[in-house]
Amino acid sequence: MNEIHKYFLNHHKLNIWLTECPDTVKPQLPTETRWKSQLTCIDTFSKNRSSYMNIVHEHEDDLISRLPGRFRISGSIVMPETFAQLRSIADALDKAQNDSHSVEDLCHIWLTLQQDQ
């Protein structure tokens, strides 16, 4: 997923074609300093997946020699239930990182997360 995002971000033609597709968003890459960046990466990939596939299909002749061998867009996407669980965990991690939280607050965050699952 990260490789696909990077490929579309780093190749001018692909990036232009992506922006011309309706309902696409700018691909987001995860960073080490942000908990939710992995979640955002998955979300933007899910939103752009069909556009990625259409672009590769429509411009296959132009791209075939340039695409890395391991470049695959087919395969399963994250199901909405799984994404909702990931979002709950990311939100809980964000809350837990707050410097002003006590152990009691952290236990409450953890128990709420368990109940939501």
C-alpha atoms as a PDB file:
ATOM      1  CA  MET A   1       0.000   0.000   0.000  1.00  0.00           C
ATOM      2  CA  ASN A   2       2.799   2.440   0.888  1.00  0.00           C
ATOM      3  CA  GLU A   3       4.644   1.577  -2.316  1.00  0.00           C
ATOM      4  CA  ILE A   4       1.554   2.307  -4.374  1.00  0.00           C
ATOM      5  CA  HIS A   5       0.991   5.641  -2.636  1.00  0.00           C
ATOM      6  CA  LYS A   6       4.655   6.571  -3.138  1.00  0.00           C
ATOM      7  CA  TYR A   7       4.569   5.551  -6.776  1.00  0.00           C
ATOM      8  CA  PHE A   8       1.550   7.720  -7.521  1.00  0.00           C
ATOM      9  CA  LEU A   9       2.976  10.644  -5.531  1.00  0.00           C
ATOM     10  CA  ASN A  10       6.417  10.469  -7.149  1.00  0.00           C
ATOM     11  CA  HIS A  11       5.369  10.120 -10.795  1.00  0.00           C
ATOM     12  CA  HIS A  12       4.000  13.290 -12.297  1.00  0.00           C
ATOM     13  CA  LYS A  13       1.701  11.721 -14.920  1.00  0.00           C
ATOM     14  CA  LEU A  14       0.159   9.318 -12.438  1.00  0.00           C
ATOM     15  CA  ASN A  15      -0.380  12.079  -9.921  1.00  0.00           C
ATOM     16  CA  ILE A  16      -2.104  14.252 -12.549  1.00  0.00           C
ATOM     17  CA  TRP A  17      -4.311  11.353 -13.683  1.00  0.00           C
ATOM     18  CA  LEU A  18      -5.230  10.649 -10.072  1.00  0.00           C
ATOM     19  CA  THR A  19      -6.260  14.253  -9.420  1.00  0.00           C
ATOM     20  CA  GLU A  20      -8.460  14.139 -12.517  1.00  0.00           C
ATOM     21  CA  CYS A  21     -10.418  11.166 -11.150  1.00  0.00           C
ATOM     22  CA  PRO A  22     -13.593  11.998  -9.231  1.00  0.00           C
ATOM     23  CA  ASP A  23     -13.783  11.266  -5.499  1.00  0.00           C
ATOM     24  CA  THR A  24     -10.062  10.758  -4.979  1.00  0.00           C
ATOM     25  CA  VAL A  25      -7.936  12.184  -2.205  1.00  0.00           C
ATOM     26  CA  LYS A  26      -4.243  12.920  -1.983  1.00  0.00           C
ATOM     27  CA  PRO A  27      -2.402   9.731  -0.938  1.00  0.00           C
ATOM     28  CA  GLN A  28      -1.095   9.966   2.614  1.00  0.00           C
ATOM     29  CA  LEU A  29       1.997   8.127   3.790  1.00  0.00           C
ATOM     30  CA  PRO A  30       2.374   6.999   7.408  1.00  0.00           C
ATOM     31  CA  THR A  31       4.888   8.707   9.672  1.00  0.00           C
ATOM     32  CA  GLU A  32       6.576   7.411  12.793  1.00  0.00           C
ATOM     33  CA  THR A  33       5.460  10.332  14.933  1.00  0.00           C
ATOM     34  CA  ARG A  34       1.717  10.095  14.344  1.00  0.00           C
ATOM     35  CA  TRP A  35      -0.413   7.173  15.551  1.00  0.00           C
ATOM     36  CA  LYS A  36      -3.231   7.901  13.163  1.00  0.00           C
ATOM     37  CA  SER A  37      -1.052   8.196  10.073  1.00  0.00           C
ATOM     38  CA  GLN A  38      -1.318   4.427   9.420  1.00  0.00           C
ATOM     39  CA  LEU A  39      -5.084   4.745   9.649  1.00  0.00           C
ATOM     40  CA  THR A  40      -5.071   7.709   7.270  1.00  0.00           C
ATOM     41  CA  CYS A  41      -2.861   5.764   4.850  1.00  0.00           C
ATOM     42  CA  ILE A  42      -5.345   2.869   4.827  1.00  0.00           C
ATOM     43  CA  ASP A  43      -8.278   5.252   4.466  1.00  0.00           C
ATOM     44  CA  THR A  44      -6.793   7.117   1.493  1.00  0.00           C
ATOM     45  CA  PHE A  45      -5.803   3.837  -0.157  1.00  0.00           C
ATOM     46  CA  SER A  46      -9.359   2.508   0.214  1.00  0.00           C
ATOM     47  CA  LYS A  47     -10.788   5.717  -1.251  1.00  0.00           C
ATOM     48  CA  ASN A  48      -8.349   5.752  -4.184  1.00  0.00           C
ATOM     49  CA  ARG A  49      -8.121   2.029  -4.920  1.00  0.00           C
ATOM     50  CA  SER A  50     -10.636   1.957  -7.765  1.00  0.00           C
ATOM     51  CA  SER A  51      -9.036   5.038  -9.327  1.00  0.00           C
ATOM     52  CA  TYR A  52      -5.579   3.450  -9.064  1.00  0.00           C
ATOM     53  CA  MET A  53      -6.895   0.377 -10.847  1.00  0.00           C
ATOM     54  CA  ASN A  54      -8.649   2.422 -13.540  1.00  0.00           C
ATOM     55  CA  ILE A  55      -5.538   4.496 -14.215  1.00  0.00           C
ATOM     56  CA  VAL A  56      -3.314   1.443 -14.523  1.00  0.00           C
ATOM     57  CA  HIS A  57      -5.871  -0.246 -16.783  1.00  0.00           C
ATOM     58  CA  GLU A  58      -6.465   2.816 -19.004  1.00  0.00           C
ATOM     59  CA  HIS A  59      -2.770   3.659 -19.362  1.00  0.00           C
ATOM     60  CA  GLU A  60      -1.372   0.137 -19.351  1.00  0.00           C
ATOM     61  CA  ASP A  61       0.626   0.595 -22.563  1.00  0.00           C
ATOM     62  CA  ASP A  62       2.253   3.756 -21.253  1.00  0.00           C
ATOM     63  CA  LEU A  63       3.004   2.284 -17.814  1.00  0.00           C
ATOM     64  CA  ILE A  64       3.819  -1.381 -18.398  1.00  0.00           C
ATOM     65  CA  SER A  65       7.571  -0.878 -18.763  1.00  0.00           C
ATOM     66  CA  ARG A  66       7.785   1.466 -15.770  1.00  0.00           C
ATOM     67  CA  LEU A  67       5.751  -0.367 -13.143  1.00  0.00           C
ATOM     68  CA  PRO A  68       7.777  -2.371 -10.643  1.00  0.00           C
ATOM     69  CA  GLY A  69       7.162  -6.127 -10.773  1.00  0.00           C
ATOM     70  CA  ARG A  70       5.749  -6.181  -7.244  1.00  0.00           C
ATOM     71  CA  PHE A  71       3.277  -3.381  -8.016  1.00  0.00           C
ATOM     72  CA  ARG A  72      -0.129  -4.928  -7.363  1.00  0.00           C
ATOM     73  CA  ILE A  73      -3.364  -3.116  -6.628  1.00  0.00           C
ATOM     74  CA  SER A  74      -5.644  -6.111  -6.717  1.00  0.00           C
ATOM     75  CA  GLY A  75      -6.458  -7.903  -3.518  1.00  0.00           C
ATOM     76  CA  SER A  76      -8.671  -7.272  -0.581  1.00  0.00           C
ATOM     77  CA  ILE A  77      -9.366  -3.888   0.881  1.00  0.00           C
ATOM     78  CA  VAL A  78      -9.972  -3.155   4.527  1.00  0.00           C
ATOM     79  CA  MET A  79     -13.538  -3.956   5.471  1.00  0.00           C
ATOM     80  CA  PRO A  80     -15.589  -1.178   7.096  1.00  0.00           C
ATOM     81  CA  GLU A  81     -15.861  -3.097  10.396  1.00  0.00           C
ATOM     82  CA  THR A  82     -12.090  -3.556  10.567  1.00  0.00           C
ATOM     83  CA  PHE A  83     -11.527   0.090   9.715  1.00  0.00           C
ATOM     84  CA  ALA A  84     -13.930   1.146  12.482  1.00  0.00           C
ATOM     85  CA  GLN A  85     -11.997  -1.001  14.966  1.00  0.00           C
ATOM     86  CA  LEU A  86      -8.700   0.503  13.820  1.00  0.00           C
ATOM     87  CA  ARG A  87     -10.141   3.999  14.217  1.00  0.00           C
ATOM     88  CA  SER A  88     -11.297   3.180  17.789  1.00  0.00           C
ATOM     89  CA  ILE A  89      -7.840   1.914  18.698  1.00  0.00           C
ATOM     90  CA  ALA A  90      -6.137   4.949  17.147  1.00  0.00           C
ATOM     91  CA  ASP A  91      -8.494   7.287  19.026  1.00  0.00           C
ATOM     92  CA  ALA A  92      -7.776   5.456  22.293  1.00  0.00           C
ATOM     93  CA  LEU A  93      -4.025   5.740  21.698  1.00  0.00           C
ATOM     94  CA  ASP A  94      -4.390   9.458  21.041  1.00  0.00           C
ATOM     95  CA  LYS A  95      -6.276   9.921  24.302  1.00  0.00           C
ATOM     96  CA  ALA A  96      -3.802   7.758  26.238  1.00  0.00           C
ATOM     97  CA  GLN A  97      -0.859   9.901  25.102  1.00  0.00           C
ATOM     98  CA  ASN A  98      -2.221  12.971  26.874  1.00  0.00           C
ATOM     99  CA  ASP A  99       0.218  14.048  29.587  1.00  0.00           C
ATOM    100  CA  SER A 100      -2.551  15.049  31.981  1.00  0.00           C
ATOM    101  CA  HIS A 101      -4.192  11.586  32.124  1.00  0.00           C
ATOM    102  CA  SER A 102      -4.012   9.565  35.321  1.00  0.00           C
ATOM    103  CA  VAL A 103      -3.907   5.782  35.595  1.00  0.00           C
ATOM    104  CA  GLU A 104      -7.630   5.914  36.306  1.00  0.00           C
ATOM    105  CA  ASP A 105      -8.222   7.781  33.033  1.00  0.00           C
ATOM    106  CA  LEU A 106      -6.155   5.232  31.121  1.00  0.00           C
ATOM    107  CA  CYS A 107      -8.106   2.333  32.641  1.00  0.00           C
ATOM    108  CA  HIS A 108     -11.356   4.038  31.647  1.00  0.00           C
ATOM    109  CA  ILE A 109     -10.077   4.498  28.061  1.00  0.00           C
ATOM    110  CA  TRP A 110      -9.046   0.824  27.915  1.00  0.00           C
ATOM    111  CA  LEU A 111     -12.363  -0.457  29.323  1.00  0.00           C
ATOM    112  CA  THR A 112     -14.349   1.749  26.937  1.00  0.00           C
ATOM    113  CA  LEU A 113     -12.311   0.394  24.036  1.00  0.00           C
ATOM    114  CA  GLN A 114     -12.988  -3.191  25.155  1.00  0.00           C
ATOM    115  CA  GLN A 115     -16.727  -2.531  25.420  1.00  0.00           C
ATOM    116  CA  ASP A 116     -16.833  -0.986  21.937  1.00  0.00           C
ATOM    117  CA  GLN A 117     -15.294  -4.084  20.389  1.00  0.00           C
END
